[in-house]
C-alpha atoms as a PDB file:
ATOM      1  CA  MET A   1       0.000   0.000   0.000  1.00  0.00           C
ATOM      2  CA  ALA A   2       1.235   3.471  -0.825  1.00  0.00           C
ATOM      3  CA  ARG A   3       2.466   5.620   2.034  1.00  0.00           C
ATOM      4  CA  LEU A   4       0.019   8.424   1.183  1.00  0.00           C
ATOM      5  CA  ASP A   5      -3.521   8.235  -0.139  1.00  0.00           C
ATOM      6  CA  TYR A   6      -3.937   8.661  -3.863  1.00  0.00           C
ATOM      7  CA  VAL A   7      -5.616  11.880  -4.969  1.00  0.00           C
ATOM      8  CA  GLU A   8      -8.879  11.697  -6.886  1.00  0.00           C
ATOM      9  CA  THR A   9      -9.127  15.030  -8.602  1.00  0.00           C
ATOM     10  CA  ALA A  10     -10.369  17.027 -11.488  1.00  0.00           C
ATOM     11  CA  GLY A  11      -8.929  20.289 -12.665  1.00  0.00           C
ATOM     12  CA  GLU A  12      -6.654  21.729 -15.291  1.00  0.00           C
ATOM     13  CA  VAL A  13      -3.494  19.941 -14.175  1.00  0.00           C
ATOM     14  CA  ALA A  14      -5.195  16.550 -13.969  1.00  0.00           C
ATOM     15  CA  ASP A  15      -6.771  17.221 -17.375  1.00  0.00           C
ATOM     16  CA  ARG A  16      -3.349  17.975 -18.919  1.00  0.00           C
ATOM     17  CA  ILE A  17      -1.964  14.771 -17.459  1.00  0.00           C
ATOM     18  CA  ARG A  18      -4.943  12.795 -18.759  1.00  0.00           C
ATOM     19  CA  ALA A  19      -4.469  14.347 -22.202  1.00  0.00           C
ATOM     20  CA  ARG A  20      -0.850  13.152 -22.340  1.00  0.00           C
ATOM     21  CA  ARG A  21      -1.777   9.712 -21.048  1.00  0.00           C
ATOM     22  CA  GLY A  22      -4.715   9.049 -23.335  1.00  0.00           C
ATOM     23  CA  GLY A  23      -7.470   9.871 -20.859  1.00  0.00           C
ATOM     24  CA  ARG A  24      -6.362   8.202 -17.640  1.00  0.00           C
ATOM     25  CA  LEU A  25      -4.384   8.930 -14.503  1.00  0.00           C
ATOM     26  CA  THR A  26      -1.872   6.405 -13.190  1.00  0.00           C
ATOM     27  CA  PRO A  27      -1.131   5.795  -9.501  1.00  0.00           C
ATOM     28  CA  LEU A  28       2.028   7.887 -10.032  1.00  0.00           C
ATOM     29  CA  ASP A  29      -0.064  10.801 -11.324  1.00  0.00           C
ATOM     30  CA  ARG A  30      -2.540  10.458  -8.479  1.00  0.00           C
ATOM     31  CA  MET A  31       0.301  10.637  -5.963  1.00  0.00           C
ATOM     32  CA  LEU A  32       1.922  13.638  -7.657  1.00  0.00           C
ATOM     33  CA  LEU A  33      -1.387  15.509  -7.623  1.00  0.00           C
ATOM     34  CA  HIS A  34      -0.885  16.154  -3.909  1.00  0.00           C
ATOM     35  CA  SER A  35       1.182  19.033  -5.332  1.00  0.00           C
ATOM     36  CA  PRO A  36      -0.480  20.284  -8.537  1.00  0.00           C
ATOM     37  CA  PRO A  37       2.439  22.582  -9.515  1.00  0.00           C
ATOM     38  CA  PHE A  38       4.917  19.708  -9.192  1.00  0.00           C
ATOM     39  CA  ALA A  39       2.566  17.345 -11.028  1.00  0.00           C
ATOM     40  CA  ASP A  40       2.234  19.870 -13.848  1.00  0.00           C
ATOM     41  CA  GLY A  41       5.986  20.379 -14.202  1.00  0.00           C
ATOM     42  CA  TRP A  42       6.600  16.634 -14.014  1.00  0.00           C
ATOM     43  CA  ASN A  43       4.018  16.072 -16.749  1.00  0.00           C
ATOM     44  CA  SER A  44       5.702  18.637 -19.008  1.00  0.00           C
ATOM     45  CA  LEU A  45       9.204  17.255 -18.481  1.00  0.00           C
ATOM     46  CA  LEU A  46       8.266  13.591 -18.864  1.00  0.00           C
ATOM     47  CA  GLY A  47       6.050  14.434 -21.837  1.00  0.00           C
ATOM     48  CA  ALA A  48       9.025  16.067 -23.555  1.00  0.00           C
ATOM     49  CA  ILE A  49      11.281  13.104 -22.759  1.00  0.00           C
ATOM     50  CA  ARG A  50       8.752  10.585 -24.021  1.00  0.00           C
ATOM     51  CA  GLY A  51       7.501  12.465 -27.066  1.00  0.00           C
ATOM     52  CA  GLN A  52       9.722  15.305 -28.221  1.00  0.00           C
ATOM     53  CA  GLY A  53      13.264  13.983 -28.240  1.00  0.00           C
ATOM     54  CA  THR A  54      15.395  12.584 -31.023  1.00  0.00           C
ATOM     55  CA  LEU A  55      16.834   9.739 -28.958  1.00  0.00           C
ATOM     56  CA  PRO A  56      15.425   6.513 -30.440  1.00  0.00           C
ATOM     57  CA  GLY A  57      12.627   5.019 -28.358  1.00  0.00           C
ATOM     58  CA  ASP A  58      14.397   1.722 -27.778  1.00  0.00           C
ATOM     59  CA  LEU A  59      17.393   3.519 -26.257  1.00  0.00           C
ATOM     60  CA  ARG A  60      15.172   5.783 -24.172  1.00  0.00           C
ATOM     61  CA  GLU A  61      13.363   2.749 -22.781  1.00  0.00           C
ATOM     62  CA  LEU A  62      16.644   0.885 -22.279  1.00  0.00           C
ATOM     63  CA  ALA A  63      17.751   3.715 -19.983  1.00  0.00           C
ATOM     64  CA  VAL A  64      14.417   3.791 -18.152  1.00  0.00           C
ATOM     65  CA  LEU A  65      14.414   0.043 -17.545  1.00  0.00           C
ATOM     66  CA  ARG A  66      18.033   0.001 -16.419  1.00  0.00           C
ATOM     67  CA  VAL A  67      17.347   2.789 -13.903  1.00  0.00           C
ATOM     68  CA  ALA A  68      14.283   0.902 -12.670  1.00  0.00           C
ATOM     69  CA  ALA A  69      16.343  -2.278 -12.256  1.00  0.00           C
ATOM     70  CA  LEU A  70      19.197  -0.550 -10.435  1.00  0.00           C
ATOM     71  CA  ASN A  71      16.857   1.307  -8.080  1.00  0.00           C
ATOM     72  CA  GLY A  72      14.451  -1.551  -7.402  1.00  0.00           C
ATOM     73  CA  ALA A  73      11.521   0.342  -8.909  1.00  0.00           C
ATOM     74  CA  ASP A  74       9.220  -2.539  -9.831  1.00  0.00           C
ATOM     75  CA  TYR A  75       6.296  -0.265 -10.717  1.00  0.00           C
ATOM     76  CA  GLU A  76       8.501   1.668 -13.148  1.00  0.00           C
ATOM     77  CA  TRP A  77       9.768  -1.582 -14.694  1.00  0.00           C
ATOM     78  CA  ALA A  78       6.230  -2.924 -15.133  1.00  0.00           C
ATOM     79  CA  ALA A  79       5.096   0.318 -16.741  1.00  0.00           C
ATOM     80  CA  HIS A  80       7.989   0.521 -19.188  1.00  0.00           C
ATOM     81  CA  GLU A  81       8.684  -3.074 -20.171  1.00  0.00           C
ATOM     82  CA  PRO A  82       5.759  -3.147 -22.642  1.00  0.00           C
ATOM     83  CA  VAL A  83       6.830   0.247 -23.996  1.00  0.00           C
ATOM     84  CA  ALA A  84      10.350  -1.086 -24.582  1.00  0.00           C
ATOM     85  CA  ARG A  85       8.926  -4.069 -26.455  1.00  0.00           C
ATOM     86  CA  LYS A  86       6.724  -1.748 -28.534  1.00  0.00           C
ATOM     87  CA  GLU A  87       9.842   0.298 -29.351  1.00  0.00           C
ATOM     88  CA  GLY A  88      11.502  -2.819 -30.766  1.00  0.00           C
ATOM     89  CA  MET A  89      13.468  -4.333 -27.897  1.00  0.00           C
ATOM     90  CA  THR A  90      13.420  -8.120 -27.757  1.00  0.00           C
ATOM     91  CA  ALA A  91      12.634 -10.127 -24.632  1.00  0.00           C
ATOM     92  CA  GLU A  92      16.330 -11.054 -24.438  1.00  0.00           C
ATOM     93  CA  GLN A  93      17.431  -7.409 -24.638  1.00  0.00           C
ATOM     94  CA  VAL A  94      14.931  -6.425 -21.960  1.00  0.00           C
ATOM     95  CA  GLY A  95      16.119  -9.276 -19.736  1.00  0.00           C
ATOM     96  CA  ALA A  96      19.717  -8.127 -20.186  1.00  0.00           C
ATOM     97  CA  LEU A  97      18.801  -4.887 -18.420  1.00  0.00           C
ATOM     98  CA  ARG A  98      18.088  -6.609 -15.128  1.00  0.00           C
ATOM     99  CA  VAL A  99      20.816  -6.187 -12.504  1.00  0.00           C
ATOM    100  CA  ASP A 100      22.008  -9.745 -13.110  1.00  0.00           C
ATOM    101  CA  GLY A 101      21.295  -9.628 -16.856  1.00  0.00           C
ATOM    102  CA  ASP A 102      23.799 -10.503 -19.575  1.00  0.00           C
ATOM    103  CA  THR A 103      24.600  -7.225 -21.323  1.00  0.00           C
ATOM    104  CA  ALA A 104      26.606  -9.197 -23.906  1.00  0.00           C
ATOM    105  CA  LEU A 105      23.193  -9.724 -25.544  1.00  0.00           C
ATOM    106  CA  LEU A 106      23.115  -5.997 -26.344  1.00  0.00           C
ATOM    107  CA  ASP A 107      24.830  -4.304 -29.252  1.00  0.00           C
ATOM    108  CA  GLU A 108      27.754  -1.911 -28.742  1.00  0.00           C
ATOM    109  CA  ARG A 109      25.547   1.194 -28.809  1.00  0.00           C
ATOM    110  CA  GLN A 110      23.184  -0.267 -26.232  1.00  0.00           C
ATOM    111  CA  ARG A 111      26.075  -1.344 -23.992  1.00  0.00           C
ATOM    112  CA  ALA A 112      27.493   2.203 -24.127  1.00  0.00           C
ATOM    113  CA  ALA A 113      24.098   3.556 -23.034  1.00  0.00           C
ATOM    114  CA  VAL A 114      23.873   0.974 -20.222  1.00  0.00           C
ATOM    115  CA  ALA A 115      27.370   1.827 -18.963  1.00  0.00           C
ATOM    116  CA  TYR A 116      26.477   5.532 -18.959  1.00  0.00           C
ATOM    117  CA  THR A 117      23.166   4.857 -17.195  1.00  0.00           C
ATOM    118  CA  ASP A 118      24.938   2.721 -14.594  1.00  0.00           C
ATOM    119  CA  ALA A 119      27.571   5.375 -13.909  1.00  0.00           C
ATOM    120  CA  MET A 120      25.015   8.168 -13.583  1.00  0.00           C
ATOM    121  CA  THR A 121      22.708   6.117 -11.374  1.00  0.00           C
ATOM    122  CA  GLU A 122      25.223   4.406  -9.119  1.00  0.00           C
ATOM    123  CA  ASN A 123      27.998   7.000  -8.864  1.00  0.00           C
ATOM    124  CA  VAL A 124      26.606  10.248 -10.328  1.00  0.00           C
ATOM    125  CA  SER A 125      30.080  11.032 -11.669  1.00  0.00           C
ATOM    126  CA  VAL A 126      30.757   9.452 -15.057  1.00  0.00           C
ATOM    127  CA  PRO A 127      34.278   8.198 -15.828  1.00  0.00           C
ATOM    128  CA  GLU A 128      35.858   9.720 -18.927  1.00  0.00           C
ATOM    129  CA  GLU A 129      36.125   6.362 -20.721  1.00  0.00           C
ATOM    130  CA  VAL A 130      32.382   5.752 -20.274  1.00  0.00           C
ATOM    131  CA  PHE A 131      31.540   9.229 -21.542  1.00  0.00           C
ATOM    132  CA  SER A 132      33.975   8.956 -24.457  1.00  0.00           C
ATOM    133  CA  ALA A 133      32.328   5.720 -25.584  1.00  0.00           C
ATOM    134  CA  LEU A 134      29.069   7.626 -26.106  1.00  0.00           C
ATOM    135  CA  HIS A 135      30.654   9.789 -28.825  1.00  0.00           C
ATOM    136  CA  LYS A 136      31.086   6.741 -31.053  1.00  0.00           C
ATOM    137  CA  HIS A 137      27.320   6.244 -31.158  1.00  0.00           C
ATOM    138  CA  PHE A 138      25.506   9.434 -30.177  1.00  0.00           C
ATOM    139  CA  ASP A 139      25.541  13.035 -31.325  1.00  0.00           C
ATOM    140  CA  PRO A 140      25.549  15.866 -28.729  1.00  0.00           C
ATOM    141  CA  ARG A 141      21.763  16.257 -28.720  1.00  0.00           C
ATOM    142  CA  GLU A 142      21.275  12.529 -28.150  1.00  0.00           C
ATOM    143  CA  ILE A 143      23.835  12.597 -25.331  1.00  0.00           C
ATOM    144  CA  VAL A 144      21.947  15.458 -23.665  1.00  0.00           C
ATOM    145  CA  GLU A 145      18.638  13.646 -24.127  1.00  0.00           C
ATOM    146  CA  LEU A 146      20.059  10.387 -22.759  1.00  0.00           C
ATOM    147  CA  THR A 147      21.480  12.275 -19.771  1.00  0.00           C
ATOM    148  CA  VAL A 148      18.166  14.003 -19.042  1.00  0.00           C
ATOM    149  CA  THR A 149      16.300  10.705 -19.451  1.00  0.00           C
ATOM    150  CA  VAL A 150      18.548   8.903 -16.978  1.00  0.00           C
ATOM    151  CA  GLY A 151      18.363  11.784 -14.503  1.00  0.00           C
ATOM    152  CA  ALA A 152      14.596  12.158 -14.807  1.00  0.00           C
ATOM    153  CA  TYR A 153      13.892   8.464 -14.422  1.00  0.00           C
ATOM    154  CA  ASN A 154      16.142   8.345 -11.367  1.00  0.00           C
ATOM    155  CA  LEU A 155      13.782  10.997  -9.982  1.00  0.00           C
ATOM    156  CA  VAL A 156      10.782   8.878 -10.996  1.00  0.00           C
ATOM    157  CA  SER A 157      12.140   5.690  -9.450  1.00  0.00           C
ATOM    158  CA  ARG A 158      13.157   7.362  -6.224  1.00  0.00           C
ATOM    159  CA  PHE A 159       9.719   8.970  -5.888  1.00  0.00           C
ATOM    160  CA  LEU A 160       7.964   5.665  -6.585  1.00  0.00           C
ATOM    161  CA  VAL A 161      10.106   3.638  -4.190  1.00  0.00           C
ATOM    162  CA  ALA A 162      10.097   6.190  -1.343  1.00  0.00           C
ATOM    163  CA  LEU A 163       6.298   6.579  -1.376  1.00  0.00           C
ATOM    164  CA  GLU A 164       5.650   2.928  -2.305  1.00  0.00           C
ATOM    165  CA  VAL A 165       3.532   3.962  -5.277  1.00  0.00           C
ATOM    166  CA  GLY A 166       1.843   0.998  -6.888  1.00  0.00           C
ATOM    167  CA  ALA A 167       2.801  -1.333  -4.037  1.00  0.00           C
END
């Protein structure tokens, strides 16, 4: 059970969230709506990450799933695994993103993104060799978008785990 009650609400912020989500509110949204300004900003940021970037969807979802795995965010994993599959990731590739997964099943570009995600999530500071490997596969905009995605989904997972959303 979540640590706070979920909010049942109407209003402009909830309507904007519903519009982005195809008419529904998730437990995450209903928790965020305790603070409508934060929920609104969250919705804008995550909407941009999910729908306005140039980073390919499979790589975006790879980063999201890896963050979820590293942070023990089961709700986040469950929400994004089907999205990753829709974006073209195979069951084997998705499985490789688990903490004990075999990243040898991923291609070089995906492994570079996983290494970067791991460094950002586990250590914050990224070693030069990990960052340099990104330049072989990603242009500067994609690197910025990958960085924002990893950072944002660390926020998501920490929020979900701390408040036991979806538990």
